[in-house]
C-alpha atoms as a PDB file:
ATOM      1  CA  MET A   1     111.926 114.865  93.138  1.00  0.00           C
ATOM      2  CA  ALA A   2     108.305 115.410  93.367  1.00  0.00           C
ATOM      3  CA  THR A   3     106.046 113.603  95.804  1.00  0.00           C
ATOM      4  CA  GLU A   4     103.805 110.771  94.215  1.00  0.00           C
ATOM      5  CA  PRO A   5     100.466 109.447  95.451  1.00  0.00           C
ATOM      6  CA  ARG A   6     100.718 106.141  97.375  1.00  0.00           C
ATOM      7  CA  ALA A   7      97.175 104.942  97.691  1.00  0.00           C
ATOM      8  CA  GLU A   8      94.332 104.193  95.385  1.00  0.00           C
ATOM      9  CA  PRO A   9      91.269 106.213  95.855  1.00  0.00           C
ATOM     10  CA  PRO A  10      87.958 104.843  97.608  1.00  0.00           C
ATOM     11  CA  GLN A  11      85.372 103.198  95.141  1.00  0.00           C
ATOM     12  CA  ALA A  12      82.236 105.138  94.456  1.00  0.00           C
ATOM     13  CA  GLY A  13      79.174 103.474  94.794  1.00  0.00           C
ATOM     14  CA  SER A  14      77.239 105.428  92.097  1.00  0.00           C
ATOM     15  CA  SER A  15      77.708 107.789  89.261  1.00  0.00           C
ATOM     16  CA  ALA A  16      77.241 111.435  90.073  1.00  0.00           C
ATOM     17  CA  ALA A  17      75.809 112.178  86.441  1.00  0.00           C
ATOM     18  CA  ALA A  18      73.179 109.224  86.991  1.00  0.00           C
ATOM     19  CA  ALA A  19      71.901 110.995  90.422  1.00  0.00           C
ATOM     20  CA  ALA A  20      71.751 114.414  88.589  1.00  0.00           C
ATOM     21  CA  GLY A  21      69.231 113.093  86.265  1.00  0.00           C
ATOM     22  CA  GLY A  22      69.709 116.033  83.684  1.00  0.00           C
ATOM     23  CA  SER A  23      70.321 115.877  79.857  1.00  0.00           C
ATOM     24  CA  ALA A  24      73.323 114.217  78.382  1.00  0.00           C
ATOM     25  CA  PRO A  25      75.531 115.368  75.678  1.00  0.00           C
ATOM     26  CA  GLN A  26      74.312 114.156  72.368  1.00  0.00           C
ATOM     27  CA  GLN A  27      77.756 113.982  70.320  1.00  0.00           C
ATOM     28  CA  ALA A  28      79.480 110.624  70.909  1.00  0.00           C
ATOM     29  CA  PRO A  29      83.335 110.714  71.670  1.00  0.00           C
ATOM     30  CA  PRO A  30      85.605 110.326  68.670  1.00  0.00           C
ATOM     31  CA  ALA A  31      86.446 106.689  67.730  1.00  0.00           C
ATOM     32  CA  SER A  32      90.061 107.098  67.696  1.00  0.00           C
ATOM     33  CA  GLN A  33      92.708 109.972  67.746  1.00  0.00           C
ATOM     34  CA  SER A  34      95.958 109.874  65.611  1.00  0.00           C
ATOM     35  CA  SER A  35      99.123 112.286  66.290  1.00  0.00           C
ATOM     36  CA  THR A  36     101.914 113.122  63.861  1.00  0.00           C
ATOM     37  CA  GLY A  37     105.314 114.397  64.671  1.00  0.00           C
ATOM     38  CA  GLY A  38     107.635 113.254  67.147  1.00  0.00           C
ATOM     39  CA  GLY A  39     107.134 112.852  70.803  1.00  0.00           C
ATOM     40  CA  ALA A  40     103.594 111.873  70.068  1.00  0.00           C
ATOM     41  CA  GLY A  41     102.102 109.419  72.926  1.00  0.00           C
ATOM     42  CA  ALA A  42      99.483 106.674  73.040  1.00  0.00           C
ATOM     43  CA  TRP A  43      95.924 107.556  73.236  1.00  0.00           C
ATOM     44  CA  ASN A  44      93.698 105.780  75.787  1.00  0.00           C
ATOM     45  CA  ASN A  45      90.081 105.652  75.231  1.00  0.00           C
ATOM     46  CA  ASN A  46      86.876 105.189  76.974  1.00  0.00           C
ATOM     47  CA  THR A  47      88.412 105.455  80.600  1.00  0.00           C
ATOM     48  CA  ARG A  48      87.253 106.813  83.826  1.00  0.00           C
ATOM     49  CA  ILE A  49      88.797 108.977  86.333  1.00  0.00           C
ATOM     50  CA  THR A  50      88.089 107.712  89.784  1.00  0.00           C
ATOM     51  CA  GLY A  51      90.504 109.893  91.980  1.00  0.00           C
ATOM     52  CA  LEU A  52      92.470 113.021  92.204  1.00  0.00           C
ATOM     53  CA  TRP A  53      95.453 113.894  93.970  1.00  0.00           C
ATOM     54  CA  SER A  54      97.680 117.026  94.535  1.00  0.00           C
ATOM     55  CA  ILE A  55     100.143 118.214  97.110  1.00  0.00           C
ATOM     56  CA  ASN A  56     101.437 121.731  98.161  1.00  0.00           C
ATOM     57  CA  GLU A  57     104.396 121.419  95.509  1.00  0.00           C
ATOM     58  CA  ASP A  58     104.590 123.479  92.339  1.00  0.00           C
ATOM     59  CA  ARG A  59     102.925 121.629  89.329  1.00  0.00           C
ATOM     60  CA  ASN A  60     102.312 118.471  91.134  1.00  0.00           C
ATOM     61  CA  SER A  61      98.789 116.994  90.278  1.00  0.00           C
ATOM     62  CA  TRP A  62      97.750 113.546  89.371  1.00  0.00           C
ATOM     63  CA  VAL A  63      94.407 111.601  88.449  1.00  0.00           C
ATOM     64  CA  TYR A  64      93.693 108.155  89.064  1.00  0.00           C
ATOM     65  CA  VAL A  65      92.496 106.165  85.813  1.00  0.00           C
ATOM     66  CA  ALA A  66      90.530 103.204  86.356  1.00  0.00           C
ATOM     67  CA  SER A  67      92.401  99.890  85.223  1.00  0.00           C
ATOM     68  CA  VAL A  68      95.668 102.035  84.777  1.00  0.00           C
ATOM     69  CA  GLY A  69      96.521 103.577  88.084  1.00  0.00           C
ATOM     70  CA  TRP A  70      97.853 107.078  88.847  1.00  0.00           C
ATOM     71  CA  VAL A  71      98.941 109.227  85.922  1.00  0.00           C
ATOM     72  CA  LYS A  72     100.785 112.586  86.318  1.00  0.00           C
ATOM     73  CA  LEU A  73      99.336 115.461  84.745  1.00  0.00           C
ATOM     74  CA  ALA A  74     101.794 117.576  82.265  1.00  0.00           C
ATOM     75  CA  ASN A  75     103.517 120.071  84.361  1.00  0.00           C
ATOM     76  CA  ASN A  76     105.160 122.050  81.526  1.00  0.00           C
ATOM     77  CA  SER A  77     103.023 125.207  82.487  1.00  0.00           C
ATOM     78  CA  GLU A  78     100.683 126.599  85.199  1.00  0.00           C
ATOM     79  CA  SER A  79      97.865 126.780  82.738  1.00  0.00           C
ATOM     80  CA  ALA A  80      98.203 123.365  81.358  1.00  0.00           C
ATOM     81  CA  ILE A  81      98.364 121.776  84.812  1.00  0.00           C
ATOM     82  CA  ILE A  82      95.271 123.906  85.909  1.00  0.00           C
ATOM     83  CA  ALA A  83      93.180 123.144  82.784  1.00  0.00           C
ATOM     84  CA  LEU A  84      93.872 119.441  83.104  1.00  0.00           C
ATOM     85  CA  THR A  85      93.038 119.382  86.843  1.00  0.00           C
ATOM     86  CA  ILE A  86      89.558 121.061  86.247  1.00  0.00           C
ATOM     87  CA  LEU A  87      88.782 118.620  83.368  1.00  0.00           C
ATOM     88  CA  GLY A  88      89.965 115.668  85.588  1.00  0.00           C
ATOM     89  CA  ALA A  89      87.750 116.996  88.577  1.00  0.00           C
ATOM     90  CA  HIS A  90      84.867 117.404  86.257  1.00  0.00           C
ATOM     91  CA  ALA A  91      85.339 113.856  84.691  1.00  0.00           C
ATOM     92  CA  LYS A  92      85.466 112.341  88.081  1.00  0.00           C
ATOM     93  CA  GLN A  93      82.364 114.344  89.426  1.00  0.00           C
ATOM     94  CA  MET A  94      80.238 113.636  86.631  1.00  0.00           C
ATOM     95  CA  GLY A  95      81.533 109.903  85.934  1.00  0.00           C
ATOM     96  CA  SER A  96      82.252 110.822  82.444  1.00  0.00           C
ATOM     97  CA  THR A  97      84.022 108.977  79.902  1.00  0.00           C
ATOM     98  CA  VAL A  98      87.658 110.430  79.193  1.00  0.00           C
ATOM     99  CA  ASN A  99      90.095 109.999  76.156  1.00  0.00           C
ATOM    100  CA  TYR A 100      93.451 111.077  77.016  1.00  0.00           C
ATOM    101  CA  ASN A 101      96.935 111.109  75.577  1.00  0.00           C
ATOM    102  CA  THR A 102     100.204 110.625  77.285  1.00  0.00           C
ATOM    103  CA  ASP A 103     103.731 111.893  76.206  1.00  0.00           C
ATOM    104  CA  ASP A 104     106.149 108.932  75.422  1.00  0.00           C
ATOM    105  CA  GLY A 105     109.121 110.574  77.042  1.00  0.00           C
ATOM    106  CA  THR A 106     107.625 111.618  80.256  1.00  0.00           C
ATOM    107  CA  GLY A 107     104.326 109.545  80.446  1.00  0.00           C
ATOM    108  CA  GLN A 108     102.690 112.674  81.716  1.00  0.00           C
ATOM    109  CA  LEU A 109      99.048 112.989  80.577  1.00  0.00           C
ATOM    110  CA  THR A 110      98.985 115.873  78.034  1.00  0.00           C
ATOM    111  CA  GLN A 111      95.623 115.976  76.253  1.00  0.00           C
ATOM    112  CA  MET A 112      92.287 114.931  77.568  1.00  0.00           C
ATOM    113  CA  TYR A 113      88.589 114.700  76.057  1.00  0.00           C
ATOM    114  CA  VAL A 114      85.834 114.449  78.582  1.00  0.00           C
ATOM    115  CA  TRP A 115      82.739 113.458  77.302  1.00  0.00           C
END
């Protein structure tokens, strides 16, 4: 059984993106996403990642989604969990808007758009 995070992350005072000042992306996030086929999960749009958590265990990494809580990243492959962890870390650091999809069967975050 994999270990799970137990606490909420501390709240940040201000967004790193606002402090950085640089130019922002000009393209808007997609309004909605749809999936087809079996096992498709639900899209959660316009959220923010406010925390990251991992432990010295294979493929055990989590993100804290504001107003949702801890969500486990898909652990079906090394490359998937590494890519999702990198995207989550970037979203947290920049205070970016995130759209993500979770798998119905496992509840794990399987896809992520970071804006």
